[in-house]
Every structure is written in C-alpha cells, then in structure tokens.
Protein backbone atom coordinates (compact mmCIF):
# COMPACT_ATOMS: atom_id res chain seq x y z
CA MET A 1 -13.78 19.38 -12.25
CA ASP A 2 -12.38 15.91 -12.69
CA ILE A 3 -8.97 17.89 -12.03
CA LEU A 4 -10.21 19.04 -8.72
CA LYS A 5 -11.68 15.50 -7.77
CA ALA A 6 -7.97 14.48 -9.04
CA ILE A 7 -6.54 16.69 -6.64
CA LEU A 8 -8.46 14.95 -3.80
CA TYR A 9 -7.89 11.70 -4.72
CA GLY A 10 -4.43 12.24 -4.50
CA ILE A 11 -4.29 13.42 -1.13
CA VAL A 12 -6.43 10.13 0.26
CA GLU A 13 -3.79 8.22 -1.57
CA GLY A 14 -1.24 10.00 -0.06
CA ILE A 15 -2.38 9.64 3.43
CA THR A 16 -4.26 5.98 3.19
CA GLU A 17 -1.64 4.64 1.00
CA TRP A 18 1.20 4.22 4.23
CA LEU A 19 -1.22 4.49 6.79
CA PRO A 20 -2.33 0.69 7.80
CA VAL A 21 -6.16 1.99 7.09
CA SER A 22 -6.66 0.41 3.18
CA SER A 23 -6.45 3.10 0.18
CA THR A 24 -9.21 1.06 -1.22
CA GLY A 25 -11.82 1.30 1.15
CA HIS A 26 -11.12 4.97 1.08
CA MET A 27 -11.62 5.30 -2.61
CA ILE A 28 -14.56 3.00 -2.95
CA LEU A 29 -15.90 5.60 -0.52
CA LEU A 30 -14.57 8.44 -2.28
CA ASP A 31 -15.80 6.93 -5.31
CA ARG A 32 -19.54 7.07 -4.18
CA VAL A 33 -19.21 10.39 -3.63
CA CYS A 34 -16.93 12.01 -5.89
CA ARG A 35 -16.62 10.00 -9.19
CA ILE A 36 -14.14 10.71 -12.10
CA ASP A 37 -16.53 10.07 -15.04
CA GLN A 38 -14.02 9.13 -17.63
CA GLY A 39 -15.12 5.50 -18.30
CA LYS A 40 -14.45 2.26 -16.77
CA ASP A 41 -11.29 0.98 -17.74
CA PHE A 42 -9.55 4.85 -17.18
CA TRP A 43 -10.82 4.85 -13.61
CA GLN A 44 -9.71 1.48 -13.13
CA MET A 45 -6.12 1.97 -14.20
CA PHE A 46 -6.19 5.68 -12.32
CA LEU A 47 -7.35 3.90 -9.06
CA VAL A 48 -3.65 1.66 -9.18
CA VAL A 49 -1.30 3.97 -11.53
CA ILE A 50 -1.96 7.02 -8.89
CA GLN A 51 0.16 5.60 -6.51
CA PHE A 52 3.03 5.75 -8.84
CA GLY A 53 3.27 9.12 -7.37
CA ALA A 54 3.55 7.47 -3.92
CA ILE A 55 6.26 5.39 -4.51
CA LEU A 56 8.31 7.89 -5.80
CA ALA A 57 8.01 9.59 -2.47
CA VAL A 58 9.59 6.44 -0.70
CA ILE A 59 12.58 6.52 -3.67
CA LEU A 60 13.43 10.21 -2.73
CA MET A 61 12.94 9.51 1.20
CA TYR A 62 15.08 6.05 1.03
CA TRP A 63 17.29 7.25 -1.55
CA LYS A 64 20.51 6.04 0.22
CA THR A 65 18.56 3.13 1.48
CA ILE A 66 18.18 1.58 -1.91
CA TRP A 67 20.69 2.51 -4.09
CA PRO A 68 23.19 -0.12 -4.40
CA PHE A 69 26.00 2.19 -5.29
CA GLY A 70 28.58 4.48 -3.71
CA ARG A 71 32.00 5.80 -3.31
CA SER A 72 34.73 4.94 -1.26
CA ARG A 73 35.98 7.20 1.26
CA LYS A 74 39.47 5.69 0.92
CA THR A 75 40.11 5.25 -2.90
CA GLY A 76 36.92 7.16 -4.20
CA ARG A 77 35.97 4.23 -6.96
CA VAL A 78 32.58 3.20 -6.94
CA MET A 79 31.64 -0.08 -4.87
CA VAL A 80 28.56 -2.05 -4.54
CA LYS A 81 26.65 -1.85 -1.00
CA ARG A 82 26.70 -5.35 -0.08
CA HIS A 83 23.95 -4.43 2.70
CA THR A 84 21.62 -3.26 0.08
CA LEU A 85 21.95 -6.07 -2.31
CA SER A 86 20.68 -7.99 0.04
CA LEU A 87 18.06 -5.75 1.13
CA TRP A 88 16.68 -5.96 -2.62
CA GLY A 89 17.09 -9.49 -2.48
CA LYS A 90 14.89 -9.84 0.43
CA THR A 91 12.59 -7.33 -1.16
CA ILE A 92 12.22 -9.77 -4.11
CA VAL A 93 11.84 -12.56 -2.18
CA ALA A 94 8.58 -10.67 -0.08
CA CYS A 95 7.19 -9.69 -3.77
CA ILE A 96 6.90 -13.33 -5.56
CA PRO A 97 4.12 -14.33 -3.73
CA ALA A 98 1.96 -11.43 -4.84
CA GLY A 99 3.53 -10.91 -7.98
CA ILE A 100 2.31 -14.28 -8.88
CA VAL A 101 -1.20 -14.40 -8.00
CA GLY A 102 -1.03 -10.44 -9.35
CA VAL A 103 -0.30 -11.54 -12.64
CA LEU A 104 -2.36 -15.15 -12.76
CA LEU A 105 -5.53 -13.84 -10.85
CA ASP A 106 -5.78 -9.71 -11.49
CA ASP A 107 -8.61 -9.74 -13.74
CA TRP A 108 -10.96 -12.22 -11.80
CA LEU A 109 -10.01 -10.40 -8.27
CA ASP A 110 -10.79 -7.23 -9.51
CA SER A 111 -14.64 -8.90 -10.79
CA HIS A 112 -14.98 -11.28 -8.15
CA LEU A 113 -13.63 -9.63 -5.03
CA TYR A 114 -13.08 -5.64 -5.44
CA ASN A 115 -16.73 -4.55 -3.94
CA ALA A 116 -17.97 -3.17 -0.68
CA LEU A 117 -18.83 -6.04 1.18
CA VAL A 118 -15.41 -7.49 0.75
CA VAL A 119 -13.48 -4.24 1.64
CA SER A 120 -15.86 -4.16 5.11
CA ILE A 121 -15.33 -7.49 6.27
CA MET A 122 -11.22 -6.99 6.18
CA LEU A 123 -11.24 -3.78 7.17
CA ILE A 124 -12.85 -4.67 10.52
CA LEU A 125 -10.59 -8.12 10.12
CA VAL A 126 -7.66 -6.86 9.95
CA GLY A 127 -8.60 -3.76 12.62
CA ILE A 128 -9.55 -6.20 15.22
CA ALA A 129 -6.01 -8.37 14.29
CA PHE A 130 -4.16 -5.13 15.03
CA ILE A 131 -5.59 -4.48 18.31
CA ILE A 132 -5.32 -8.25 19.42
CA VAL A 133 -1.75 -8.41 18.92
CA GLU A 134 -0.61 -5.00 20.07
CA ASN A 135 -2.54 -5.92 23.21
CA ARG A 136 -0.87 -9.29 23.18
CA ARG A 137 2.63 -7.44 22.93
CA GLU A 138 2.02 -5.32 25.61
CA LYS A 139 0.74 -8.06 27.77
CA THR A 140 3.84 -10.05 27.66
CA ASP A 141 6.11 -7.35 27.73
CA ALA A 142 7.83 -8.67 23.82
CA VAL A 143 11.00 -7.46 22.82
CA ALA A 144 11.31 -7.00 18.83
CA ASN A 145 13.99 -9.25 17.89
CA VAL A 146 14.43 -7.29 14.09
CA ASN A 147 15.47 -3.40 15.09
CA ARG A 148 17.64 -3.03 12.03
CA LEU A 149 16.71 -3.91 8.23
CA SER A 150 19.85 -5.41 7.98
CA GLU A 151 18.75 -7.69 10.71
CA LEU A 152 15.74 -9.46 8.70
CA THR A 153 16.38 -12.99 7.30
CA TYR A 154 15.14 -13.83 3.72
CA LYS A 155 12.63 -16.18 5.59
CA ASP A 156 11.35 -13.37 7.85
CA ALA A 157 10.86 -11.38 3.76
CA LEU A 158 9.15 -14.59 2.65
CA ILE A 159 6.70 -14.67 5.92
CA ILE A 160 6.03 -10.47 5.05
CA GLY A 161 5.68 -11.36 1.57
CA LEU A 162 3.19 -13.96 2.54
CA PHE A 163 0.89 -11.48 4.62
CA GLN A 164 0.91 -9.07 1.75
CA LEU A 165 -0.37 -12.13 -0.80
CA VAL A 166 -3.48 -11.65 1.84
CA ALA A 167 -3.43 -7.86 0.83
CA ALA A 168 -3.33 -8.56 -3.04
CA CYS A 169 -5.99 -11.04 -2.82
CA LEU A 170 -8.47 -9.79 -0.56
CA PRO A 171 -8.86 -5.55 -1.05
CA GLY A 172 -9.64 -4.04 2.28
CA THR A 173 -6.89 -5.86 3.92
CA SER A 174 -4.50 -3.10 3.14
CA ARG A 175 -1.00 -4.03 2.01
CA SER A 176 0.70 -1.71 4.39
CA GLY A 177 -1.54 -3.08 6.84
CA SER A 178 -0.75 -6.67 6.54
CA THR A 179 2.89 -6.47 6.04
CA ILE A 180 3.50 -4.49 8.88
CA LEU A 181 1.10 -6.47 11.05
CA GLY A 182 3.03 -9.86 9.72
CA GLY A 183 6.20 -8.18 10.67
CA ILE A 184 5.18 -7.13 14.12
CA MET A 185 3.71 -10.89 14.53
CA ILE A 186 7.26 -12.60 13.91
CA GLY A 187 9.36 -10.26 16.03
CA VAL A 188 10.51 -7.29 13.89
CA SER A 189 9.89 -4.06 15.21
CA ARG A 190 6.92 -1.79 14.38
CA LYS A 191 9.97 0.68 12.61
CA VAL A 192 11.93 -1.95 10.76
CA ALA A 193 8.15 -3.13 9.28
CA ALA A 194 7.11 0.18 8.49
CA GLU A 195 10.36 0.90 6.45
CA PHE A 196 10.29 -2.29 4.75
CA THR A 197 6.53 -1.94 4.07
CA PHE A 198 7.76 1.36 2.29
CA ILE A 199 10.70 -0.67 0.45
CA LEU A 200 8.95 -3.41 -0.82
CA ALA A 201 6.02 -1.24 -2.74
CA ILE A 202 8.41 -0.17 -4.66
CA PRO A 203 8.66 -3.09 -6.99
CA VAL A 204 4.82 -4.16 -6.10
CA MET A 205 2.87 -0.87 -6.83
CA ALA A 206 5.51 -0.51 -10.36
CA GLY A 207 4.58 -3.85 -11.57
CA ALA A 208 1.02 -3.14 -10.83
CA SER A 209 0.87 0.24 -12.45
CA LEU A 210 2.84 -0.95 -15.65
CA LEU A 211 0.55 -3.92 -15.86
CA LYS A 212 -2.84 -1.66 -15.23
CA ILE A 213 -1.16 0.76 -18.22
CA PHE A 214 -0.44 -2.59 -20.31
CA LYS A 215 -4.24 -3.88 -19.92
CA PHE A 216 -5.45 -0.35 -20.56
CA PHE A 217 -3.79 -0.06 -24.08
CA HIS A 218 -3.72 -3.55 -24.93
CA ALA A 219 -8.22 -3.26 -24.37
CA GLY A 220 -7.73 -0.28 -27.19
CA ASN A 221 -8.08 2.24 -25.33
CA VAL A 222 -6.24 5.97 -26.26
CA LEU A 223 -5.14 8.50 -23.29
CA THR A 224 -6.37 12.01 -24.13
CA GLY A 225 -4.67 14.76 -23.10
CA TYR A 226 -6.86 15.69 -20.54
CA GLN A 227 -7.11 11.92 -19.11
CA THR A 228 -3.30 12.39 -18.85
CA ALA A 229 -3.39 15.91 -16.72
CA ILE A 230 -5.95 14.35 -14.90
CA LEU A 231 -3.64 11.23 -13.94
CA LEU A 232 -0.72 13.20 -13.06
CA THR A 233 -2.50 15.56 -10.98
CA GLY A 234 -3.25 12.54 -9.01
CA CYS A 235 0.06 11.57 -9.17
CA ILE A 236 1.73 14.57 -8.53
CA VAL A 237 -0.77 15.80 -5.77
CA ALA A 238 -0.53 11.51 -3.81
CA PHE A 239 3.79 12.10 -4.01
CA LEU A 240 3.45 15.46 -1.82
CA VAL A 241 0.96 14.03 0.30
CA SER A 242 3.03 10.84 0.80
CA VAL A 243 6.26 12.64 1.94
CA PHE A 244 4.61 13.95 4.64
CA ILE A 245 2.71 11.23 6.11
CA ILE A 246 6.06 8.67 5.66
CA ARG A 247 7.56 11.43 7.72
CA PHE A 248 4.68 11.73 10.59
CA LEU A 249 4.31 7.47 10.76
CA MET A 250 7.92 7.29 11.48
CA SER A 251 7.61 9.99 13.77
CA TYR A 252 4.56 8.54 15.65
CA ILE A 253 5.49 4.69 15.58
CA LYS A 254 8.55 5.69 18.04
CA LYS A 255 6.32 5.83 20.92
CA HIS A 256 2.57 4.77 19.90
CA ASP A 257 1.43 1.71 18.95
CA PHE A 258 -0.66 0.93 16.00
CA LYS A 259 -4.31 0.27 17.94
CA VAL A 260 -5.64 3.38 17.07
CA PHE A 261 -5.45 2.50 13.74
CA GLY A 262 -7.51 -0.74 14.33
CA TRP A 263 -10.04 1.02 15.69
CA TYR A 264 -10.00 3.23 12.93
CA ARG A 265 -10.47 0.43 10.57
CA ILE A 266 -13.34 -1.14 12.61
CA ALA A 267 -14.98 2.11 12.33
CA LEU A 268 -14.23 3.04 8.93
CA GLY A 269 -15.41 -0.89 7.85
CA ILE A 270 -18.66 -0.45 9.82
CA PHE A 271 -19.29 2.98 8.20
CA VAL A 272 -18.47 1.77 4.96
CA ILE A 273 -21.56 -1.05 5.19
CA LEU A 274 -23.86 1.65 6.92
CA ALA A 275 -23.40 3.89 3.44
CA PHE A 276 -24.35 1.55 1.49
CA LEU A 277 -27.23 0.06 3.34
CA ILE A 278 -28.53 3.71 3.63
CA SER A 279 -27.89 4.37 0.15
CA GLY A 280 -29.73 1.50 -1.50
CA ALA A 281 -26.86 0.43 -3.21
CA SER A 282 -25.82 -2.96 -3.61
CA ILE A 283 -22.72 -3.48 -1.62
CA THR A 284 -21.45 -6.32 -3.47
CA ALA A 285 -21.76 -4.71 -6.60
CA ILE A 286 -18.07 -4.65 -8.64
CA GLN A 287 -17.27 -0.68 -8.62
C-alpha cells in the first residue's frame, strides 16, 4: 500500500512543486488522509528527497540552458558559454540567503513552524499578494523590464533570493510562488521569473535533499529495501509529472496571469483550516 501511496505523493509533488500553490500545504492535507507509515524520520526525509525527481525534470528540459560547455561551430573545439556561467553565478547569489538559513535553522523551523496553521496563513497571504500584484500590473499597464534570462542582473537575482528566503522560513509560502511573485514585483516577465525559479530549484532542492539524507543516516536510521522502493517510486512519478506540468505552466503564462493561483491558494488555505477544525485535530500540532 505504501508504494501506491508513494505514487500519489509523486503526482502531487510533481504538480504542486512548480505551480505557485505550495507543495507543503498539499502534502499536509494528503498526510491527513493517506499517511505513509514508515516512521517520522523516514517521512520527513521522504517529503524532501521526493523533490529530487522534480529536479531531474528541470535538468532534462533546460539542459541546453544550464550546461556551460559547448562546441564552436567554426573550430569544433569545446568552449565555455559565458552567458551560462553568468546565469549560474546569479543562481548561486540567489541561493545564498535561503541556504544559510536552511543549514542553521532547518531543525528549528521544522519543529516550530511546520504546522497546518502557519501553512494555511501563508497560503492565504501569498494568494492575496498574487491577486494584488497582478491587478496593480493590469491597472498600470506595466511592461516587464526583463524579458530574457540573460537580462537578469545580480541585484535581481539577490532580490528573488530574498523572496525565496521567506519560503524557506515559512512553509506554505511556496518556493516557486515566492520567487515568481518577487520577480514580477521587480519588473521581471512571468516567463523569465518562472524559468529562473526552475533553475534556482536545482541547487536549492538538491542541497535540501542531501541535508535530509545526511540527517536521516546521522540519526542512526537504516534505509530498508522497501523504503528505498517507496522513495524511488515517489521520485520517478514526480519526475514524469513535473515534465508535463512545467510544459503546461510555460504555455499557460503566455496568455494568462497568476490570479487564478492566488484564488486557489486562498481557497486551499481556508479548506485546510476547516478540515482541521472539523476533524478536531490540533492545527498547530507539528506534523
């Protein structure tokens, strides 16, 4: 049964990791009705490491954009693509704020803020922010100042990284939601904001996965064959679904804004609160 549950979690992860709707909020709801009962340490590691499948989807789809080496058409020699190195430099800059906080406060954040109340509040607040920002952009008929990844500056990258820091500290904010929202607010086009968010996810999520794996084994845990199968199943499904969702999102934002996701977040946040109140469970209990 846990293998089947891992498939379901992989589907939810693949959808919600890239859409600005908070994968954490959905995972908390899913955990209430479909828990993988393999122990708390495995569960906490699973929720993060399953994201590795989603990372592989980005690597596959944006390989030409992120791979810094190529061959010269004239000489056939291997050359370094400077614009790609510059993109990675900006990515590293954007990762620094969340990376520092993640290493220093990961356990504290899990213990004090990873609960349904915080997630619900952030779902609603960020949803409202999306609607306000998009409405303001429509009223002012604002035109994006950054329409290509190469036009992003290090300052832009740092600001987007600070928005990602909020997501790292407050579950339910949505990493993709906060970075896309931050990009739009500073004049980055929706397309570029989404693409930079995808690339930014590679070091962030890879680092988070490695940290969780290290803590899992450092605590004296042993990964059984069955648990390995659960983990691999979740990652593979997350990878396959992510490929579809990334393509969908990039097609969607060509003609639409993010307000629909804002309304969805508000509805989901209210639903999470009501679900816990109706069930009688503590909404502030650590999951």
